[in-house]
Amino acid sequence: MAYWLFKSEPSSWSWEMQKARGDKGEEWDGVRNYQARNNMRQMKLGDLGFFYHSVKETSVVGIVEVCALIHPDSTTDDPRWECVDIRAVRDMPKPVSLNDIKANPKLKDMVLVNNSRLSVQPVSEAEWREVCRMGGLDPAP
Protein backbone atom coordinates (compact mmCIF):
# COMPACT_ATOMS: atom_id res chain seq x y z
CA MET A 1 0.00 0.00 0.00
CA ALA A 2 1.12 3.52 -0.75
CA TYR A 3 0.19 6.75 1.02
CA TRP A 4 -0.69 10.14 -0.46
CA LEU A 5 -1.82 13.65 0.38
CA PHE A 6 -4.65 15.38 -1.51
CA LYS A 7 -4.88 19.16 -1.14
CA SER A 8 -8.08 21.11 -1.55
CA GLU A 9 -9.26 24.60 -0.81
CA PRO A 10 -12.24 24.10 1.51
CA SER A 11 -14.14 26.87 -0.29
CA SER A 12 -13.98 24.74 -3.47
CA TRP A 13 -14.14 21.19 -2.07
CA SER A 14 -14.17 20.64 1.67
CA TRP A 15 -13.75 17.59 3.85
CA GLU A 16 -17.46 17.82 4.73
CA MET A 17 -18.34 17.75 1.02
CA GLN A 18 -16.04 14.75 0.52
CA LYS A 19 -17.68 12.87 3.40
CA ALA A 20 -21.14 13.63 1.99
CA ARG A 21 -20.26 11.63 -1.16
CA GLY A 22 -20.26 8.45 0.94
CA ASP A 23 -18.84 5.16 -0.30
CA LYS A 24 -19.27 6.25 -3.93
CA GLY A 25 -16.51 8.81 -3.47
CA GLU A 26 -15.67 11.61 -5.83
CA GLU A 27 -13.42 12.22 -8.80
CA TRP A 28 -10.27 14.12 -7.80
CA ASP A 29 -10.68 16.28 -10.89
CA GLY A 30 -9.28 19.58 -12.04
CA VAL A 31 -5.61 18.71 -11.46
CA ARG A 32 -3.54 20.49 -14.10
CA ASN A 33 -0.03 19.70 -12.95
CA TYR A 34 1.91 16.88 -14.59
CA GLN A 35 3.68 15.79 -11.41
CA ALA A 36 0.39 15.58 -9.49
CA ARG A 37 -1.24 13.69 -12.38
CA ASN A 38 1.70 11.29 -12.55
CA ASN A 39 1.34 10.66 -8.83
CA MET A 40 -2.28 9.66 -9.43
CA ARG A 41 -1.14 7.29 -12.20
CA GLN A 42 0.85 5.38 -9.57
CA MET A 43 -2.10 4.87 -7.23
CA LYS A 44 -3.68 1.51 -6.53
CA LEU A 45 -7.13 0.68 -5.21
CA GLY A 46 -7.12 0.86 -1.43
CA ASP A 47 -4.19 3.28 -1.16
CA LEU A 48 -4.81 5.76 1.65
CA GLY A 49 -4.33 9.49 1.66
CA PHE A 50 -4.55 12.52 3.87
CA PHE A 51 -7.24 15.06 2.97
CA TYR A 52 -5.57 18.42 3.46
CA HIS A 53 -7.35 21.78 3.65
CA SER A 54 -5.11 24.36 2.00
CA VAL A 55 -5.04 28.17 1.96
CA LYS A 56 -6.55 29.31 5.30
CA GLU A 57 -6.80 26.16 7.41
CA THR A 58 -3.62 24.41 6.21
CA SER A 59 -4.34 21.18 8.10
CA VAL A 60 -4.75 17.46 7.56
CA VAL A 61 -8.41 16.97 8.42
CA GLY A 62 -9.26 13.46 7.25
CA ILE A 63 -8.25 10.20 5.64
CA VAL A 64 -9.39 9.05 2.21
CA GLU A 65 -9.05 5.88 0.17
CA VAL A 66 -8.51 5.50 -3.58
CA CYS A 67 -11.72 3.84 -4.84
CA ALA A 68 -11.28 4.13 -8.64
CA LEU A 69 -8.09 3.95 -10.65
CA ILE A 70 -6.81 6.59 -13.07
CA HIS A 71 -9.33 7.58 -15.76
CA PRO A 72 -10.02 10.61 -17.95
CA ASP A 73 -10.89 13.75 -15.99
CA SER A 74 -14.54 14.50 -16.74
CA THR A 75 -13.99 18.26 -16.41
CA THR A 76 -11.96 18.51 -19.63
CA ASP A 77 -11.77 17.10 -23.16
CA ASP A 78 -7.98 17.29 -23.04
CA PRO A 79 -6.72 13.67 -22.92
CA ARG A 80 -3.59 14.66 -20.98
CA TRP A 81 -5.57 15.12 -17.77
CA GLU A 82 -6.63 12.13 -15.74
CA CYS A 83 -7.72 11.54 -12.16
CA VAL A 84 -8.62 8.93 -9.57
CA ASP A 85 -11.68 8.74 -7.35
CA ILE A 86 -11.37 8.93 -3.58
CA ARG A 87 -13.78 8.29 -0.71
CA ALA A 88 -13.71 9.49 2.86
CA VAL A 89 -12.58 6.90 5.42
CA ARG A 90 -12.49 8.84 8.69
CA ASP A 91 -11.99 12.20 10.31
CA MET A 92 -8.62 13.07 11.74
CA PRO A 93 -9.53 13.25 15.48
CA LYS A 94 -7.27 16.29 15.90
CA PRO A 95 -6.47 18.21 12.69
CA VAL A 96 -2.71 18.37 12.10
CA SER A 97 -1.61 21.85 11.04
CA LEU A 98 1.12 22.67 8.57
CA ASN A 99 2.92 24.56 11.35
CA ASP A 100 2.93 21.42 13.51
CA ILE A 101 4.17 19.33 10.59
CA LYS A 102 6.97 21.82 9.87
CA ALA A 103 7.94 21.88 13.57
CA ASN A 104 8.34 18.09 13.72
CA PRO A 105 11.92 17.05 12.82
CA LYS A 106 10.65 13.59 11.80
CA LEU A 107 8.73 15.28 8.95
CA LYS A 108 11.49 17.58 7.64
CA ASP A 109 11.70 15.66 4.33
CA MET A 110 7.93 15.49 3.75
CA VAL A 111 6.89 16.79 0.32
CA LEU A 112 4.32 19.05 2.01
CA VAL A 113 7.16 20.81 3.84
CA ASN A 114 9.40 21.14 0.78
CA ASN A 115 6.93 21.54 -2.11
CA SER A 116 3.74 22.78 -0.50
CA ARG A 117 2.15 23.82 -3.80
CA LEU A 118 1.91 20.26 -5.23
CA SER A 119 -1.76 19.26 -5.01
CA VAL A 120 -1.31 15.46 -5.02
CA GLN A 121 1.84 14.19 -3.36
CA PRO A 122 3.36 11.00 -1.97
CA VAL A 123 3.73 10.40 1.76
CA SER A 124 6.21 7.85 3.11
CA GLU A 125 5.03 5.17 5.52
CA ALA A 126 7.03 6.73 8.37
CA GLU A 127 5.49 10.17 7.62
CA TRP A 128 2.03 8.58 7.46
CA ARG A 129 2.45 7.00 10.89
CA GLU A 130 3.84 10.20 12.43
CA VAL A 131 1.07 12.49 11.10
CA CYS A 132 -1.54 9.95 12.20
CA ARG A 133 0.05 9.85 15.68
CA MET A 134 -0.01 13.65 15.83
CA GLY A 135 -3.68 13.61 14.83
CA GLY A 136 -4.69 11.10 17.48
CA LEU A 137 -4.67 7.94 15.37
CA ASP A 138 -2.21 5.54 16.97
CA PRO A 139 -1.85 2.99 15.57
CA ALA A 140 -2.27 4.48 12.12
CA PRO A 141 -4.86 2.90 9.81
C-alpha atoms as a PDB file:
ATOM      1  CA  MET A   1       0.000   0.000   0.000  1.00  0.00           C
ATOM      2  CA  ALA A   2       1.117   3.524  -0.750  1.00  0.00           C
ATOM      3  CA  TYR A   3       0.191   6.752   1.025  1.00  0.00           C
ATOM      4  CA  TRP A   4      -0.685  10.136  -0.457  1.00  0.00           C
ATOM      5  CA  LEU A   5      -1.824  13.646   0.378  1.00  0.00           C
ATOM      6  CA  PHE A   6      -4.647  15.380  -1.506  1.00  0.00           C
ATOM      7  CA  LYS A   7      -4.875  19.162  -1.135  1.00  0.00           C
ATOM      8  CA  SER A   8      -8.076  21.108  -1.554  1.00  0.00           C
ATOM      9  CA  GLU A   9      -9.259  24.601  -0.805  1.00  0.00           C
ATOM     10  CA  PRO A  10     -12.238  24.104   1.505  1.00  0.00           C
ATOM     11  CA  SER A  11     -14.139  26.871  -0.291  1.00  0.00           C
ATOM     12  CA  SER A  12     -13.980  24.736  -3.467  1.00  0.00           C
ATOM     13  CA  TRP A  13     -14.138  21.193  -2.074  1.00  0.00           C
ATOM     14  CA  SER A  14     -14.168  20.635   1.667  1.00  0.00           C
ATOM     15  CA  TRP A  15     -13.750  17.591   3.853  1.00  0.00           C
ATOM     16  CA  GLU A  16     -17.459  17.817   4.734  1.00  0.00           C
ATOM     17  CA  MET A  17     -18.336  17.747   1.022  1.00  0.00           C
ATOM     18  CA  GLN A  18     -16.039  14.750   0.516  1.00  0.00           C
ATOM     19  CA  LYS A  19     -17.684  12.865   3.397  1.00  0.00           C
ATOM     20  CA  ALA A  20     -21.138  13.628   1.987  1.00  0.00           C
ATOM     21  CA  ARG A  21     -20.261  11.628  -1.157  1.00  0.00           C
ATOM     22  CA  GLY A  22     -20.256   8.452   0.941  1.00  0.00           C
ATOM     23  CA  ASP A  23     -18.844   5.162  -0.304  1.00  0.00           C
ATOM     24  CA  LYS A  24     -19.267   6.245  -3.929  1.00  0.00           C
ATOM     25  CA  GLY A  25     -16.515   8.806  -3.470  1.00  0.00           C
ATOM     26  CA  GLU A  26     -15.670  11.606  -5.833  1.00  0.00           C
ATOM     27  CA  GLU A  27     -13.420  12.224  -8.805  1.00  0.00           C
ATOM     28  CA  TRP A  28     -10.270  14.122  -7.802  1.00  0.00           C
ATOM     29  CA  ASP A  29     -10.682  16.277 -10.892  1.00  0.00           C
ATOM     30  CA  GLY A  30      -9.279  19.577 -12.044  1.00  0.00           C
ATOM     31  CA  VAL A  31      -5.612  18.707 -11.462  1.00  0.00           C
ATOM     32  CA  ARG A  32      -3.541  20.492 -14.101  1.00  0.00           C
ATOM     33  CA  ASN A  33      -0.030  19.703 -12.950  1.00  0.00           C
ATOM     34  CA  TYR A  34       1.915  16.878 -14.588  1.00  0.00           C
ATOM     35  CA  GLN A  35       3.681  15.788 -11.414  1.00  0.00           C
ATOM     36  CA  ALA A  36       0.392  15.580  -9.493  1.00  0.00           C
ATOM     37  CA  ARG A  37      -1.244  13.690 -12.381  1.00  0.00           C
ATOM     38  CA  ASN A  38       1.705  11.291 -12.551  1.00  0.00           C
ATOM     39  CA  ASN A  39       1.344  10.660  -8.829  1.00  0.00           C
ATOM     40  CA  MET A  40      -2.279   9.656  -9.430  1.00  0.00           C
ATOM     41  CA  ARG A  41      -1.138   7.289 -12.200  1.00  0.00           C
ATOM     42  CA  GLN A  42       0.853   5.382  -9.571  1.00  0.00           C
ATOM     43  CA  MET A  43      -2.099   4.872  -7.228  1.00  0.00           C
ATOM     44  CA  LYS A  44      -3.677   1.508  -6.525  1.00  0.00           C
ATOM     45  CA  LEU A  45      -7.129   0.680  -5.210  1.00  0.00           C
ATOM     46  CA  GLY A  46      -7.120   0.865  -1.427  1.00  0.00           C
ATOM     47  CA  ASP A  47      -4.187   3.276  -1.164  1.00  0.00           C
ATOM     48  CA  LEU A  48      -4.810   5.757   1.651  1.00  0.00           C
ATOM     49  CA  GLY A  49      -4.326   9.494   1.661  1.00  0.00           C
ATOM     50  CA  PHE A  50      -4.555  12.516   3.865  1.00  0.00           C
ATOM     51  CA  PHE A  51      -7.236  15.055   2.974  1.00  0.00           C
ATOM     52  CA  TYR A  52      -5.572  18.423   3.461  1.00  0.00           C
ATOM     53  CA  HIS A  53      -7.354  21.780   3.651  1.00  0.00           C
ATOM     54  CA  SER A  54      -5.112  24.355   2.001  1.00  0.00           C
ATOM     55  CA  VAL A  55      -5.042  28.172   1.963  1.00  0.00           C
ATOM     56  CA  LYS A  56      -6.546  29.309   5.297  1.00  0.00           C
ATOM     57  CA  GLU A  57      -6.800  26.160   7.411  1.00  0.00           C
ATOM     58  CA  THR A  58      -3.618  24.406   6.205  1.00  0.00           C
ATOM     59  CA  SER A  59      -4.338  21.180   8.099  1.00  0.00           C
ATOM     60  CA  VAL A  60      -4.745  17.460   7.557  1.00  0.00           C
ATOM     61  CA  VAL A  61      -8.411  16.973   8.425  1.00  0.00           C
ATOM     62  CA  GLY A  62      -9.260  13.460   7.245  1.00  0.00           C
ATOM     63  CA  ILE A  63      -8.247  10.196   5.642  1.00  0.00           C
ATOM     64  CA  VAL A  64      -9.391   9.046   2.210  1.00  0.00           C
ATOM     65  CA  GLU A  65      -9.053   5.876   0.170  1.00  0.00           C
ATOM     66  CA  VAL A  66      -8.510   5.496  -3.579  1.00  0.00           C
ATOM     67  CA  CYS A  67     -11.717   3.844  -4.843  1.00  0.00           C
ATOM     68  CA  ALA A  68     -11.277   4.128  -8.639  1.00  0.00           C
ATOM     69  CA  LEU A  69      -8.086   3.952 -10.648  1.00  0.00           C
ATOM     70  CA  ILE A  70      -6.815   6.593 -13.066  1.00  0.00           C
ATOM     71  CA  HIS A  71      -9.326   7.577 -15.755  1.00  0.00           C
ATOM     72  CA  PRO A  72     -10.019  10.614 -17.952  1.00  0.00           C
ATOM     73  CA  ASP A  73     -10.885  13.753 -15.989  1.00  0.00           C
ATOM     74  CA  SER A  74     -14.541  14.500 -16.742  1.00  0.00           C
ATOM     75  CA  THR A  75     -13.993  18.260 -16.412  1.00  0.00           C
ATOM     76  CA  THR A  76     -11.962  18.513 -19.632  1.00  0.00           C
ATOM     77  CA  ASP A  77     -11.770  17.098 -23.163  1.00  0.00           C
ATOM     78  CA  ASP A  78      -7.978  17.286 -23.038  1.00  0.00           C
ATOM     79  CA  PRO A  79      -6.722  13.671 -22.921  1.00  0.00           C
ATOM     80  CA  ARG A  80      -3.591  14.662 -20.978  1.00  0.00           C
ATOM     81  CA  TRP A  81      -5.569  15.121 -17.771  1.00  0.00           C
ATOM     82  CA  GLU A  82      -6.629  12.133 -15.736  1.00  0.00           C
ATOM     83  CA  CYS A  83      -7.720  11.535 -12.164  1.00  0.00           C
ATOM     84  CA  VAL A  84      -8.617   8.927  -9.571  1.00  0.00           C
ATOM     85  CA  ASP A  85     -11.680   8.744  -7.354  1.00  0.00           C
ATOM     86  CA  ILE A  86     -11.369   8.928  -3.578  1.00  0.00           C
ATOM     87  CA  ARG A  87     -13.780   8.290  -0.715  1.00  0.00           C
ATOM     88  CA  ALA A  88     -13.706   9.493   2.861  1.00  0.00           C
ATOM     89  CA  VAL A  89     -12.582   6.899   5.420  1.00  0.00           C
ATOM     90  CA  ARG A  90     -12.494   8.839   8.689  1.00  0.00           C
ATOM     91  CA  ASP A  91     -11.990  12.204  10.306  1.00  0.00           C
ATOM     92  CA  MET A  92      -8.618  13.070  11.745  1.00  0.00           C
ATOM     93  CA  PRO A  93      -9.531  13.253  15.480  1.00  0.00           C
ATOM     94  CA  LYS A  94      -7.266  16.289  15.900  1.00  0.00           C
ATOM     95  CA  PRO A  95      -6.470  18.211  12.688  1.00  0.00           C
ATOM     96  CA  VAL A  96      -2.712  18.375  12.101  1.00  0.00           C
ATOM     97  CA  SER A  97      -1.609  21.848  11.045  1.00  0.00           C
ATOM     98  CA  LEU A  98       1.120  22.666   8.570  1.00  0.00           C
ATOM     99  CA  ASN A  99       2.920  24.559  11.351  1.00  0.00           C
ATOM    100  CA  ASP A 100       2.930  21.418  13.513  1.00  0.00           C
ATOM    101  CA  ILE A 101       4.173  19.332  10.590  1.00  0.00           C
ATOM    102  CA  LYS A 102       6.971  21.816   9.874  1.00  0.00           C
ATOM    103  CA  ALA A 103       7.941  21.884  13.568  1.00  0.00           C
ATOM    104  CA  ASN A 104       8.342  18.092  13.721  1.00  0.00           C
ATOM    105  CA  PRO A 105      11.921  17.053  12.815  1.00  0.00           C
ATOM    106  CA  LYS A 106      10.651  13.593  11.803  1.00  0.00           C
ATOM    107  CA  LEU A 107       8.730  15.281   8.952  1.00  0.00           C
ATOM    108  CA  LYS A 108      11.492  17.577   7.639  1.00  0.00           C
ATOM    109  CA  ASP A 109      11.698  15.664   4.330  1.00  0.00           C
ATOM    110  CA  MET A 110       7.933  15.487   3.750  1.00  0.00           C
ATOM    111  CA  VAL A 111       6.893  16.787   0.322  1.00  0.00           C
ATOM    112  CA  LEU A 112       4.319  19.049   2.011  1.00  0.00           C
ATOM    113  CA  VAL A 113       7.164  20.810   3.843  1.00  0.00           C
ATOM    114  CA  ASN A 114       9.399  21.143   0.783  1.00  0.00           C
ATOM    115  CA  ASN A 115       6.933  21.539  -2.108  1.00  0.00           C
ATOM    116  CA  SER A 116       3.744  22.782  -0.499  1.00  0.00           C
ATOM    117  CA  ARG A 117       2.154  23.815  -3.804  1.00  0.00           C
ATOM    118  CA  LEU A 118       1.912  20.263  -5.231  1.00  0.00           C
ATOM    119  CA  SER A 119      -1.761  19.261  -5.015  1.00  0.00           C
ATOM    120  CA  VAL A 120      -1.312  15.462  -5.019  1.00  0.00           C
ATOM    121  CA  GLN A 121       1.835  14.188  -3.358  1.00  0.00           C
ATOM    122  CA  PRO A 122       3.357  11.005  -1.974  1.00  0.00           C
ATOM    123  CA  VAL A 123       3.731  10.400   1.757  1.00  0.00           C
ATOM    124  CA  SER A 124       6.213   7.853   3.115  1.00  0.00           C
ATOM    125  CA  GLU A 125       5.026   5.169   5.523  1.00  0.00           C
ATOM    126  CA  ALA A 126       7.027   6.730   8.366  1.00  0.00           C
ATOM    127  CA  GLU A 127       5.493  10.171   7.615  1.00  0.00           C
ATOM    128  CA  TRP A 128       2.034   8.584   7.461  1.00  0.00           C
ATOM    129  CA  ARG A 129       2.447   7.002  10.888  1.00  0.00           C
ATOM    130  CA  GLU A 130       3.835  10.203  12.430  1.00  0.00           C
ATOM    131  CA  VAL A 131       1.074  12.490  11.104  1.00  0.00           C
ATOM    132  CA  CYS A 132      -1.543   9.953  12.202  1.00  0.00           C
ATOM    133  CA  ARG A 133       0.045   9.849  15.676  1.00  0.00           C
ATOM    134  CA  MET A 134      -0.009  13.655  15.826  1.00  0.00           C
ATOM    135  CA  GLY A 135      -3.682  13.608  14.833  1.00  0.00           C
ATOM    136  CA  GLY A 136      -4.689  11.097  17.485  1.00  0.00           C
ATOM    137  CA  LEU A 137      -4.675   7.939  15.371  1.00  0.00           C
ATOM    138  CA  ASP A 138      -2.207   5.539  16.970  1.00  0.00           C
ATOM    139  CA  PRO A 139      -1.854   2.992  15.574  1.00  0.00           C
ATOM    140  CA  ALA A 140      -2.272   4.476  12.124  1.00  0.00           C
ATOM    141  CA  PRO A 141      -4.861   2.905   9.808  1.00  0.00           C
END
